[in-house]
Amino acid sequence: MVLSSPWRQFVVGHRRKWESQTRVGKLFAGNLLVPSAVFLTGGSHSIFVETCHLLSLVSMSLQQFTNQHRIYIVPEAHGCSIETLATDRHPSVRVHLRDSHADIWHEYDL
């Protein structure tokens, strides 16, 4: 959600439109940062929407959320390397990481 004001003349000859979010290219920063944060922390859209609802905040639709992931977030994440991974203590995860990804340091979530 973005709050904005109509075009205003602040100084003679200069006009500016105020917006509550800065832009990253054509996107508002929050519309890219929020889905990124949810994705990178292992969250889900449904829990994010529920939290927004409890706080009386407007949230983005599942379609918008999915588009941000598909276009921006997932392609960027493919270029990242993982050095440390924190998971629950599930034995199959431990075995998979040990056998297939010995270079990744495995820590356990409490």
C-alpha atoms as a PDB file:
ATOM      1  CA  MET A   1       0.000   0.000   0.000  1.00  0.00           C
ATOM      2  CA  VAL A   2       1.288   3.427  -0.927  1.00  0.00           C
ATOM      3  CA  LEU A   3       0.058   6.741   0.318  1.00  0.00           C
ATOM      4  CA  SER A   4       0.576   9.676  -2.004  1.00  0.00           C
ATOM      5  CA  SER A   5      -0.380  13.301  -2.324  1.00  0.00           C
ATOM      6  CA  PRO A   6      -1.423  15.126  -5.474  1.00  0.00           C
ATOM      7  CA  TRP A   7       1.209  17.116  -7.347  1.00  0.00           C
ATOM      8  CA  ARG A   8       2.170  20.157  -5.320  1.00  0.00           C
ATOM      9  CA  GLN A   9       4.275  23.176  -6.092  1.00  0.00           C
ATOM     10  CA  PHE A  10       6.757  23.652  -3.241  1.00  0.00           C
ATOM     11  CA  VAL A  11       9.069  26.190  -4.826  1.00  0.00           C
ATOM     12  CA  VAL A  12       8.231  28.354  -7.810  1.00  0.00           C
ATOM     13  CA  GLY A  13       8.797  26.270 -10.926  1.00  0.00           C
ATOM     14  CA  HIS A  14       9.223  22.925  -9.078  1.00  0.00           C
ATOM     15  CA  ARG A  15       6.534  20.293  -8.622  1.00  0.00           C
ATOM     16  CA  ARG A  16       6.754  17.108  -6.634  1.00  0.00           C
ATOM     17  CA  LYS A  17       4.434  14.229  -5.791  1.00  0.00           C
ATOM     18  CA  TRP A  18       4.985  12.806  -2.294  1.00  0.00           C
ATOM     19  CA  GLU A  19       4.751   9.008  -1.873  1.00  0.00           C
ATOM     20  CA  SER A  20       5.082   7.017   1.345  1.00  0.00           C
ATOM     21  CA  GLN A  21       7.453   4.471  -0.231  1.00  0.00           C
ATOM     22  CA  THR A  22      10.548   4.985  -2.299  1.00  0.00           C
ATOM     23  CA  ARG A  23      10.759   3.288  -5.650  1.00  0.00           C
ATOM     24  CA  VAL A  24      13.147   0.652  -6.939  1.00  0.00           C
ATOM     25  CA  GLY A  25      12.813   1.182 -10.671  1.00  0.00           C
ATOM     26  CA  LYS A  26       9.056   1.094 -11.262  1.00  0.00           C
ATOM     27  CA  LEU A  27       8.314  -0.881  -8.077  1.00  0.00           C
ATOM     28  CA  PHE A  28       7.650   0.493  -4.637  1.00  0.00           C
ATOM     29  CA  ALA A  29      10.412  -0.706  -2.310  1.00  0.00           C
ATOM     30  CA  GLY A  30       8.057  -2.318   0.220  1.00  0.00           C
ATOM     31  CA  ASN A  31       6.378  -4.357  -2.508  1.00  0.00           C
ATOM     32  CA  LEU A  32       9.733  -6.011  -3.164  1.00  0.00           C
ATOM     33  CA  LEU A  33      11.239  -6.045   0.334  1.00  0.00           C
ATOM     34  CA  VAL A  34       8.264  -7.617   2.136  1.00  0.00           C
ATOM     35  CA  PRO A  35       7.928 -10.699  -0.122  1.00  0.00           C
ATOM     36  CA  SER A  36      11.725 -11.051  -0.067  1.00  0.00           C
ATOM     37  CA  ALA A  37      11.769 -11.057   3.728  1.00  0.00           C
ATOM     38  CA  VAL A  38       8.938 -13.598   3.908  1.00  0.00           C
ATOM     39  CA  PHE A  39      10.665 -15.864   1.370  1.00  0.00           C
ATOM     40  CA  LEU A  40      14.150 -15.659   2.879  1.00  0.00           C
ATOM     41  CA  THR A  41      12.910 -16.387   6.404  1.00  0.00           C
ATOM     42  CA  GLY A  42      10.906 -19.417   5.281  1.00  0.00           C
ATOM     43  CA  GLY A  43       7.523 -17.793   5.861  1.00  0.00           C
ATOM     44  CA  SER A  44       4.378 -18.147   3.777  1.00  0.00           C
ATOM     45  CA  HIS A  45       1.960 -15.750   2.149  1.00  0.00           C
ATOM     46  CA  SER A  46      -0.993 -17.028   4.187  1.00  0.00           C
ATOM     47  CA  ILE A  47       0.716 -16.403   7.537  1.00  0.00           C
ATOM     48  CA  PHE A  48       1.858 -12.984   6.329  1.00  0.00           C
ATOM     49  CA  VAL A  49      -1.707 -12.063   5.295  1.00  0.00           C
ATOM     50  CA  GLU A  50      -3.102 -13.316   8.602  1.00  0.00           C
ATOM     51  CA  THR A  51      -0.571 -11.218  10.523  1.00  0.00           C
ATOM     52  CA  CYS A  52      -1.444  -8.146   8.439  1.00  0.00           C
ATOM     53  CA  HIS A  53      -5.139  -8.748   9.076  1.00  0.00           C
ATOM     54  CA  LEU A  54      -4.577  -8.967  12.848  1.00  0.00           C
ATOM     55  CA  LEU A  55      -2.694  -5.659  12.722  1.00  0.00           C
ATOM     56  CA  SER A  56      -5.346  -4.035  10.460  1.00  0.00           C
ATOM     57  CA  LEU A  57      -2.816  -3.607   7.660  1.00  0.00           C
ATOM     58  CA  VAL A  58      -3.409  -3.899   3.949  1.00  0.00           C
ATOM     59  CA  SER A  59      -1.413  -6.712   2.342  1.00  0.00           C
ATOM     60  CA  MET A  60      -0.676  -7.783  -1.195  1.00  0.00           C
ATOM     61  CA  SER A  61      -2.643 -10.484  -2.954  1.00  0.00           C
ATOM     62  CA  LEU A  62      -1.315 -13.981  -3.537  1.00  0.00           C
ATOM     63  CA  GLN A  63      -1.005 -13.125  -7.252  1.00  0.00           C
ATOM     64  CA  GLN A  64       1.184 -10.083  -6.529  1.00  0.00           C
ATOM     65  CA  PHE A  65       3.220 -12.077  -4.018  1.00  0.00           C
ATOM     66  CA  THR A  66       3.765 -14.922  -6.505  1.00  0.00           C
ATOM     67  CA  ASN A  67       4.738 -12.506  -9.281  1.00  0.00           C
ATOM     68  CA  GLN A  68       7.378 -10.839  -7.083  1.00  0.00           C
ATOM     69  CA  HIS A  69       8.827 -14.270  -6.261  1.00  0.00           C
ATOM     70  CA  ARG A  70       8.812 -15.489  -9.856  1.00  0.00           C
ATOM     71  CA  ILE A  71      10.199 -12.327 -11.456  1.00  0.00           C
ATOM     72  CA  TYR A  72      12.635 -10.945  -8.878  1.00  0.00           C
ATOM     73  CA  ILE A  73      13.282 -13.026  -5.772  1.00  0.00           C
ATOM     74  CA  VAL A  74      13.820 -16.620  -6.960  1.00  0.00           C
ATOM     75  CA  PRO A  75      16.120 -15.693  -9.892  1.00  0.00           C
ATOM     76  CA  GLU A  76      18.218 -13.603  -7.491  1.00  0.00           C
ATOM     77  CA  ALA A  77      18.350 -16.404  -4.906  1.00  0.00           C
ATOM     78  CA  HIS A  78      19.746 -18.822  -7.520  1.00  0.00           C
ATOM     79  CA  GLY A  79      22.974 -16.823  -7.521  1.00  0.00           C
ATOM     80  CA  CYS A  80      23.453 -17.172  -3.747  1.00  0.00           C
ATOM     81  CA  SER A  81      25.676 -19.707  -2.078  1.00  0.00           C
ATOM     82  CA  ILE A  82      24.694 -21.288   1.227  1.00  0.00           C
ATOM     83  CA  GLU A  83      27.381 -21.610   3.884  1.00  0.00           C
ATOM     84  CA  THR A  84      25.215 -22.336   6.943  1.00  0.00           C
ATOM     85  CA  LEU A  85      21.723 -23.824   7.131  1.00  0.00           C
ATOM     86  CA  ALA A  86      19.533 -24.007  10.234  1.00  0.00           C
ATOM     87  CA  THR A  87      16.812 -26.685  10.250  1.00  0.00           C
ATOM     88  CA  ASP A  88      14.824 -28.726  12.717  1.00  0.00           C
ATOM     89  CA  ARG A  89      16.371 -31.971  13.982  1.00  0.00           C
ATOM     90  CA  HIS A  90      14.747 -34.197  11.381  1.00  0.00           C
ATOM     91  CA  PRO A  91      17.082 -37.165  10.729  1.00  0.00           C
ATOM     92  CA  SER A  92      16.463 -37.278   6.971  1.00  0.00           C
ATOM     93  CA  VAL A  93      17.504 -33.631   6.576  1.00  0.00           C
ATOM     94  CA  ARG A  94      20.692 -34.261   8.545  1.00  0.00           C
ATOM     95  CA  VAL A  95      21.541 -37.320   6.406  1.00  0.00           C
ATOM     96  CA  HIS A  96      20.769 -35.512   3.124  1.00  0.00           C
ATOM     97  CA  LEU A  97      22.966 -32.552   4.029  1.00  0.00           C
ATOM     98  CA  ARG A  98      25.784 -34.796   5.233  1.00  0.00           C
ATOM     99  CA  ASP A  99      25.709 -36.955   2.080  1.00  0.00           C
ATOM    100  CA  SER A 100      24.869 -34.413  -0.630  1.00  0.00           C
ATOM    101  CA  HIS A 101      26.058 -31.055   0.703  1.00  0.00           C
ATOM    102  CA  ALA A 102      29.022 -31.669   2.979  1.00  0.00           C
ATOM    103  CA  ASP A 103      30.258 -28.121   2.290  1.00  0.00           C
ATOM    104  CA  ILE A 104      27.208 -26.591   4.065  1.00  0.00           C
ATOM    105  CA  TRP A 105      27.483 -26.115   7.837  1.00  0.00           C
ATOM    106  CA  HIS A 106      24.320 -27.533   9.434  1.00  0.00           C
ATOM    107  CA  GLU A 107      22.897 -25.999  12.606  1.00  0.00           C
ATOM    108  CA  TYR A 108      19.715 -26.869  14.456  1.00  0.00           C
ATOM    109  CA  ASP A 109      16.779 -24.614  15.167  1.00  0.00           C
ATOM    110  CA  LEU A 110      15.790 -24.686  18.820  1.00  0.00           C
END
